[in-house]
PDB file of N, CA and C in Angstrom:
ATOM      1  N   MET A   1      18.204  11.348 -63.851  1.00  0.00           N
ATOM      2  CA  MET A   1      19.231  10.966 -64.970  1.00  0.00           C
ATOM      3  C   MET A   1      18.868  10.197 -66.158  1.00  0.00           C
ATOM      4  N   GLU A   2      19.288  10.158 -67.229  1.00  0.00           N
ATOM      5  CA  GLU A   2      18.393   9.751 -68.111  1.00  0.00           C
ATOM      6  C   GLU A   2      19.751   7.780 -68.441  1.00  0.00           C
ATOM      7  N   TRP A   3      21.164   7.725 -67.867  1.00  0.00           N
ATOM      8  CA  TRP A   3      21.649   6.466 -68.289  1.00  0.00           C
ATOM      9  C   TRP A   3      22.840   7.016 -66.679  1.00  0.00           C
ATOM     10  N   GLU A   4      23.010   5.611 -66.271  1.00  0.00           N
ATOM     11  CA  GLU A   4      23.329   5.679 -64.846  1.00  0.00           C
ATOM     12  C   GLU A   4      25.157   5.392 -65.633  1.00  0.00           C
ATOM     13  N   PHE A   5      26.093   6.749 -64.288  1.00  0.00           N
ATOM     14  CA  PHE A   5      27.438   6.803 -64.157  1.00  0.00           C
ATOM     15  C   PHE A   5      28.341   5.529 -65.512  1.00  0.00           C
ATOM     16  N   GLY A   6      28.941   5.485 -66.813  1.00  0.00           N
ATOM     17  CA  GLY A   6      29.481   4.325 -67.168  1.00  0.00           C
ATOM     18  C   GLY A   6      28.467   3.783 -68.061  1.00  0.00           C
ATOM     19  N   ARG A   7      27.547   4.130 -68.187  1.00  0.00           N
ATOM     20  CA  ARG A   7      26.853   3.260 -69.212  1.00  0.00           C
ATOM     21  C   ARG A   7      27.357   3.495 -70.472  1.00  0.00           C
ATOM     22  N   GLY A   8      27.385   1.496 -71.330  1.00  0.00           N
ATOM     23  CA  GLY A   8      27.975   1.967 -72.604  1.00  0.00           C
ATOM     24  C   GLY A   8      29.607   2.669 -72.709  1.00  0.00           C
ATOM     25  N   MET A   9      29.904   2.334 -71.438  1.00  0.00           N
ATOM     26  CA  MET A   9      32.050   2.956 -71.559  1.00  0.00           C
ATOM     27  C   MET A   9      32.622   1.485 -71.878  1.00  0.00           C
ATOM     28  N   SER A  10      32.282  -0.075 -72.546  1.00  0.00           N
ATOM     29  CA  SER A  10      33.188  -1.148 -72.772  1.00  0.00           C
ATOM     30  C   SER A  10      32.726  -2.095 -74.031  1.00  0.00           C
ATOM     31  N   TYR A  11      33.149  -2.253 -74.403  1.00  0.00           N
ATOM     32  CA  TYR A  11      33.757  -2.957 -75.784  1.00  0.00           C
ATOM     33  C   TYR A  11      33.211  -4.549 -75.236  1.00  0.00           C
ATOM     34  N   THR A  12      32.759  -4.869 -74.080  1.00  0.00           N
ATOM     35  CA  THR A  12      32.640  -6.096 -73.561  1.00  0.00           C
ATOM     36  C   THR A  12      31.493  -5.951 -72.546  1.00  0.00           C
ATOM     37  N   THR A  13      31.086  -7.408 -72.060  1.00  0.00           N
ATOM     38  CA  THR A  13      30.307  -7.274 -71.117  1.00  0.00           C
ATOM     39  C   THR A  13      30.733  -8.303 -69.894  1.00  0.00           C
ATOM     40  N   PHE A  14      30.112  -8.062 -68.753  1.00  0.00           N
ATOM     41  CA  PHE A  14      30.579  -8.271 -67.801  1.00  0.00           C
ATOM     42  C   PHE A  14      29.201  -9.437 -66.830  1.00  0.00           C
ATOM     43  N   ALA A  15      29.769  -9.999 -65.998  1.00  0.00           N
ATOM     44  CA  ALA A  15      28.497 -10.513 -65.465  1.00  0.00           C
ATOM     45  C   ALA A  15      29.410 -11.167 -64.059  1.00  0.00           C
ATOM     46  N   TYR A  16      28.331 -10.571 -62.994  1.00  0.00           N
ATOM     47  CA  TYR A  16      28.678 -10.699 -61.162  1.00  0.00           C
ATOM     48  C   TYR A  16      27.582 -11.922 -60.907  1.00  0.00           C
ATOM     49  N   THR A  17      28.336 -11.871 -60.000  1.00  0.00           N
ATOM     50  CA  THR A  17      27.655 -13.708 -59.461  1.00  0.00           C
ATOM     51  C   THR A  17      28.307 -14.071 -58.245  1.00  0.00           C
ATOM     52  N   ASP A  18      27.520 -14.558 -57.371  1.00  0.00           N
ATOM     53  CA  ASP A  18      28.272 -14.714 -56.359  1.00  0.00           C
ATOM     54  C   ASP A  18      27.650 -14.009 -55.132  1.00  0.00           C
ATOM     55  N   LEU A  19      26.968 -12.813 -55.112  1.00  0.00           N
ATOM     56  CA  LEU A  19      26.894 -11.481 -54.900  1.00  0.00           C
ATOM     57  C   LEU A  19      26.551 -12.136 -52.829  1.00  0.00           C
ATOM     58  N   THR A  20      27.104 -11.783 -51.954  1.00  0.00           N
ATOM     59  CA  THR A  20      26.813 -11.831 -50.590  1.00  0.00           C
ATOM     60  C   THR A  20      27.230 -10.450 -50.137  1.00  0.00           C
ATOM     61  N   LEU A  21      25.905 -10.703 -48.700  1.00  0.00           N
ATOM     62  CA  LEU A  21      26.147  -9.829 -47.909  1.00  0.00           C
ATOM     63  C   LEU A  21      26.136 -10.157 -46.689  1.00  0.00           C
ATOM     64  N   SER A  22      26.757  -9.290 -45.865  1.00  0.00           N
ATOM     65  CA  SER A  22      26.703  -9.907 -44.176  1.00  0.00           C
ATOM     66  C   SER A  22      25.614  -9.564 -43.409  1.00  0.00           C
ATOM     67  N   THR A  23      24.717  -8.790 -44.090  1.00  0.00           N
ATOM     68  CA  THR A  23      23.814  -8.529 -43.317  1.00  0.00           C
ATOM     69  C   THR A  23      22.363  -8.289 -44.583  1.00  0.00           C
ATOM     70  N   THR A  24      20.968  -8.123 -44.365  1.00  0.00           N
ATOM     71  CA  THR A  24      20.327  -7.370 -44.877  1.00  0.00           C
ATOM     72  C   THR A  24      19.852  -6.039 -44.227  1.00  0.00           C
ATOM     73  N   GLU A  25      20.318  -5.308 -43.725  1.00  0.00           N
ATOM     74  CA  GLU A  25      19.699  -4.367 -42.878  1.00  0.00           C
ATOM     75  C   GLU A  25      20.996  -3.653 -42.414  1.00  0.00           C
ATOM     76  N   LEU A  26      21.249  -2.377 -42.933  1.00  0.00           N
ATOM     77  CA  LEU A  26      22.491  -1.802 -42.450  1.00  0.00           C
ATOM     78  C   LEU A  26      21.633  -0.434 -41.397  1.00  0.00           C
ATOM     79  N   HIS A  27      22.503  -0.849 -40.147  1.00  0.00           N
ATOM     80  CA  HIS A  27      22.460   0.685 -39.686  1.00  0.00           C
ATOM     81  C   HIS A  27      23.166   2.308 -39.653  1.00  0.00           C
ATOM     82  N   GLU A  28      22.895   2.977 -39.483  1.00  0.00           N
ATOM     83  CA  GLU A  28      23.519   4.633 -39.165  1.00  0.00           C
ATOM     84  C   GLU A  28      25.363   4.185 -38.482  1.00  0.00           C
ATOM     85  N   ASP A  29      25.555   3.470 -37.842  1.00  0.00           N
ATOM     86  CA  ASP A  29      26.966   2.553 -37.188  1.00  0.00           C
ATOM     87  C   ASP A  29      27.498   1.947 -37.687  1.00  0.00           C
ATOM     88  N   GLY A  30      26.564   0.528 -37.960  1.00  0.00           N
ATOM     89  CA  GLY A  30      26.460  -0.511 -38.447  1.00  0.00           C
ATOM     90  C   GLY A  30      27.854  -0.924 -39.636  1.00  0.00           C
ATOM     91  N   GLU A  31      28.644  -1.850 -39.775  1.00  0.00           N
ATOM     92  CA  GLU A  31      29.845  -2.049 -41.350  1.00  0.00           C
ATOM     93  C   GLU A  31      28.436  -3.268 -42.209  1.00  0.00           C
ATOM     94  N   LEU A  32      28.496  -3.052 -43.159  1.00  0.00           N
ATOM     95  CA  LEU A  32      28.662  -4.285 -44.559  1.00  0.00           C
ATOM     96  C   LEU A  32      29.772  -5.103 -45.384  1.00  0.00           C
ATOM     97  N   ASP A  33      29.944  -6.237 -45.177  1.00  0.00           N
ATOM     98  CA  ASP A  33      30.841  -6.905 -45.836  1.00  0.00           C
ATOM     99  C   ASP A  33      30.055  -7.141 -47.291  1.00  0.00           C
ATOM    100  N   VAL A  34      30.440  -6.679 -48.741  1.00  0.00           N
ATOM    101  CA  VAL A  34      29.729  -7.196 -49.654  1.00  0.00           C
ATOM    102  C   VAL A  34      31.309  -8.079 -50.228  1.00  0.00           C
ATOM    103  N   ARG A  35      30.551  -9.108 -50.947  1.00  0.00           N
ATOM    104  CA  ARG A  35      31.730  -9.682 -52.397  1.00  0.00           C
ATOM    105  C   ARG A  35      30.450 -10.462 -53.326  1.00  0.00           C
ATOM    106  N   VAL A  36      31.686 -10.318 -54.001  1.00  0.00           N
ATOM    107  CA  VAL A  36      31.085 -10.215 -55.545  1.00  0.00           C
ATOM    108  C   VAL A  36      32.163 -11.022 -56.511  1.00  0.00           C
ATOM    109  N   THR A  37      31.440 -11.584 -57.314  1.00  0.00           N
ATOM    110  CA  THR A  37      32.346 -12.350 -58.695  1.00  0.00           C
ATOM    111  C   THR A  37      32.233 -11.956 -59.894  1.00  0.00           C
ATOM    112  N   VAL A  38      33.129 -11.234 -60.297  1.00  0.00           N
ATOM    113  CA  VAL A  38      33.323 -10.381 -61.772  1.00  0.00           C
ATOM    114  C   VAL A  38      34.245 -10.984 -62.849  1.00  0.00           C
ATOM    115  N   SER A  39      32.883 -11.746 -63.892  1.00  0.00           N
ATOM    116  CA  SER A  39      33.603 -11.655 -64.732  1.00  0.00           C
ATOM    117  C   SER A  39      33.631 -11.600 -66.207  1.00  0.00           C
ATOM    118  N   ASN A  40      34.684 -11.485 -67.005  1.00  0.00           N
ATOM    119  CA  ASN A  40      34.733 -11.090 -68.465  1.00  0.00           C
ATOM    120  C   ASN A  40      33.911 -11.838 -69.282  1.00  0.00           C
ATOM    121  N   THR A  41      32.492 -11.847 -69.997  1.00  0.00           N
ATOM    122  CA  THR A  41      31.662 -12.772 -70.221  1.00  0.00           C
ATOM    123  C   THR A  41      31.929 -11.753 -72.077  1.00  0.00           C
ATOM    124  N   GLY A  42      32.809 -11.301 -72.261  1.00  0.00           N
ATOM    125  CA  GLY A  42      32.667 -10.795 -73.543  1.00  0.00           C
ATOM    126  C   GLY A  42      33.768 -11.150 -74.270  1.00  0.00           C
ATOM    127  N   ALA A  43      34.177 -10.777 -75.683  1.00  0.00           N
ATOM    128  CA  ALA A  43      35.218 -11.558 -76.702  1.00  0.00           C
ATOM    129  C   ALA A  43      36.078 -10.384 -76.192  1.00  0.00           C
ATOM    130  N   VAL A  44      36.460  -9.280 -75.941  1.00  0.00           N
ATOM    131  CA  VAL A  44      37.494  -8.382 -75.491  1.00  0.00           C
ATOM    132  C   VAL A  44      38.174  -8.394 -74.110  1.00  0.00           C
ATOM    133  N   ALA A  45      39.007  -8.472 -73.579  1.00  0.00           N
ATOM    134  CA  ALA A  45      40.202  -8.036 -72.514  1.00  0.00           C
ATOM    135  C   ALA A  45      39.420  -6.729 -71.982  1.00  0.00           C
ATOM    136  N   ALA A  46      38.810  -6.651 -70.541  1.00  0.00           N
ATOM    137  CA  ALA A  46      38.660  -5.588 -70.398  1.00  0.00           C
ATOM    138  C   ALA A  46      39.040  -5.533 -68.844  1.00  0.00           C
ATOM    139  N   ASN A  47      38.912  -3.599 -68.206  1.00  0.00           N
ATOM    140  CA  ASN A  47      39.124  -4.179 -66.680  1.00  0.00           C
ATOM    141  C   ASN A  47      37.988  -3.380 -66.329  1.00  0.00           C
ATOM    142  N   HIS A  48      36.983  -3.682 -65.218  1.00  0.00           N
ATOM    143  CA  HIS A  48      35.994  -3.304 -64.683  1.00  0.00           C
ATOM    144  C   HIS A  48      35.681  -2.806 -63.349  1.00  0.00           C
ATOM    145  N   SER A  49      35.217  -1.469 -62.806  1.00  0.00           N
ATOM    146  CA  SER A  49      34.814  -1.283 -61.975  1.00  0.00           C
ATOM    147  C   SER A  49      33.630  -1.885 -60.949  1.00  0.00           C
ATOM    148  N   VAL A  50      33.692  -1.803 -59.735  1.00  0.00           N
ATOM    149  CA  VAL A  50      32.360  -2.486 -59.656  1.00  0.00           C
ATOM    150  C   VAL A  50      31.817  -0.925 -58.502  1.00  0.00           C
ATOM    151  N   LEU A  51      30.481  -0.580 -58.762  1.00  0.00           N
ATOM    152  CA  LEU A  51      30.600   0.523 -57.789  1.00  0.00           C
ATOM    153  C   LEU A  51      28.818   0.188 -56.940  1.00  0.00           C
ATOM    154  N   MET A  52      29.014   0.300 -55.616  1.00  0.00           N
ATOM    155  CA  MET A  52      28.146   0.278 -54.599  1.00  0.00           C
ATOM    156  C   MET A  52      27.263   1.326 -54.125  1.00  0.00           C
ATOM    157  N   PHE A  53      26.305   1.175 -54.325  1.00  0.00           N
ATOM    158  CA  PHE A  53      25.589   2.429 -54.094  1.00  0.00           C
ATOM    159  C   PHE A  53      23.979   1.760 -53.318  1.00  0.00           C
ATOM    160  N   VAL A  54      24.129   2.921 -51.956  1.00  0.00           N
ATOM    161  CA  VAL A  54      23.520   2.548 -50.703  1.00  0.00           C
ATOM    162  C   VAL A  54      22.336   3.657 -50.621  1.00  0.00           C
ATOM    163  N   TYR A  55      20.899   2.925 -50.004  1.00  0.00           N
ATOM    164  CA  TYR A  55      19.959   4.618 -50.435  1.00  0.00           C
ATOM    165  C   TYR A  55      19.115   4.227 -48.982  1.00  0.00           C
ATOM    166  N   ASP A  56      18.825   4.993 -48.605  1.00  0.00           N
ATOM    167  CA  ASP A  56      17.911   5.405 -47.105  1.00  0.00           C
ATOM    168  C   ASP A  56      15.894   4.806 -47.993  1.00  0.00           C
ATOM    169  N   LYS A  57      15.562   4.263 -47.479  1.00  0.00           N
ATOM    170  CA  LYS A  57      14.090   3.825 -47.608  1.00  0.00           C
ATOM    171  C   LYS A  57      13.503   4.651 -47.143  1.00  0.00           C
ATOM    172  N   TYR A  58      13.569   5.274 -46.537  1.00  0.00           N
ATOM    173  CA  TYR A  58      12.617   6.536 -45.814  1.00  0.00           C
ATOM    174  C   TYR A  58      13.013   7.853 -46.224  1.00  0.00           C
ATOM    175  N   ARG A  59      14.160   8.069 -47.222  1.00  0.00           N
ATOM    176  CA  ARG A  59      14.227   9.675 -47.651  1.00  0.00           C
ATOM    177  C   ARG A  59      14.637   9.558 -49.152  1.00  0.00           C
ATOM    178  N   ARG A  60      13.494   9.217 -49.932  1.00  0.00           N
ATOM    179  CA  ARG A  60      13.618   9.254 -51.063  1.00  0.00           C
ATOM    180  C   ARG A  60      12.976  10.805 -51.161  1.00  0.00           C
ATOM    181  N   VAL A  61      13.104  11.641 -50.959  1.00  0.00           N
ATOM    182  CA  VAL A  61      12.471  13.005 -51.464  1.00  0.00           C
ATOM    183  C   VAL A  61      13.667  13.747 -51.455  1.00  0.00           C
ATOM    184  N   THR A  62      14.884  13.258 -50.974  1.00  0.00           N
ATOM    185  CA  THR A  62      16.113  14.322 -50.842  1.00  0.00           C
ATOM    186  C   THR A  62      17.034  14.251 -51.765  1.00  0.00           C
ATOM    187  N   PRO A  63      17.561  15.125 -52.124  1.00  0.00           N
ATOM    188  CA  PRO A  63      18.798  15.372 -53.233  1.00  0.00           C
ATOM    189  C   PRO A  63      19.454  13.464 -52.782  1.00  0.00           C
ATOM    190  N   GLU A  64      20.165  13.303 -51.660  1.00  0.00           N
ATOM    191  CA  GLU A  64      21.111  12.476 -50.897  1.00  0.00           C
ATOM    192  C   GLU A  64      20.054  10.594 -51.500  1.00  0.00           C
ATOM    193  N   TYR A  65      19.136  10.775 -52.349  1.00  0.00           N
ATOM    194  CA  TYR A  65      18.653   9.366 -52.312  1.00  0.00           C
ATOM    195  C   TYR A  65      19.760   7.967 -52.848  1.00  0.00           C
ATOM    196  N   LYS A  66      19.691   8.170 -53.735  1.00  0.00           N
ATOM    197  CA  LYS A  66      21.093   7.111 -53.728  1.00  0.00           C
ATOM    198  C   LYS A  66      22.966   7.668 -54.027  1.00  0.00           C
ATOM    199  N   LEU A  67      23.518   7.042 -53.141  1.00  0.00           N
ATOM    200  CA  LEU A  67      24.567   7.139 -52.688  1.00  0.00           C
ATOM    201  C   LEU A  67      25.546   6.527 -52.931  1.00  0.00           C
ATOM    202  N   LEU A  68      26.658   6.981 -53.557  1.00  0.00           N
ATOM    203  CA  LEU A  68      27.556   5.884 -54.034  1.00  0.00           C
ATOM    204  C   LEU A  68      28.589   5.989 -52.492  1.00  0.00           C
ATOM    205  N   LYS A  69      29.058   4.392 -52.584  1.00  0.00           N
ATOM    206  CA  LYS A  69      30.274   4.456 -51.210  1.00  0.00           C
ATOM    207  C   LYS A  69      31.219   4.171 -51.339  1.00  0.00           C
ATOM    208  N   LYS A  70      30.984   2.779 -52.354  1.00  0.00           N
ATOM    209  CA  LYS A  70      32.656   2.298 -52.407  1.00  0.00           C
ATOM    210  C   LYS A  70      32.451   2.246 -53.961  1.00  0.00           C
TER     211      LYS A  70
END
């Protein structure tokens, strides 16, 4: 796809800071806690949805390479 989902849909900008992960490697039955601070850095008030994608580094040729999880 040429553009990521949602690209260009806002009239303001956002900054992601303080990203923390509970682990750097996720197993099939494991859990991952992700925390991030999102700040509106633009001049226009707006809401923003954070999208979390995961991928399996060994399955890069299948249709499910990049999965939207949350």
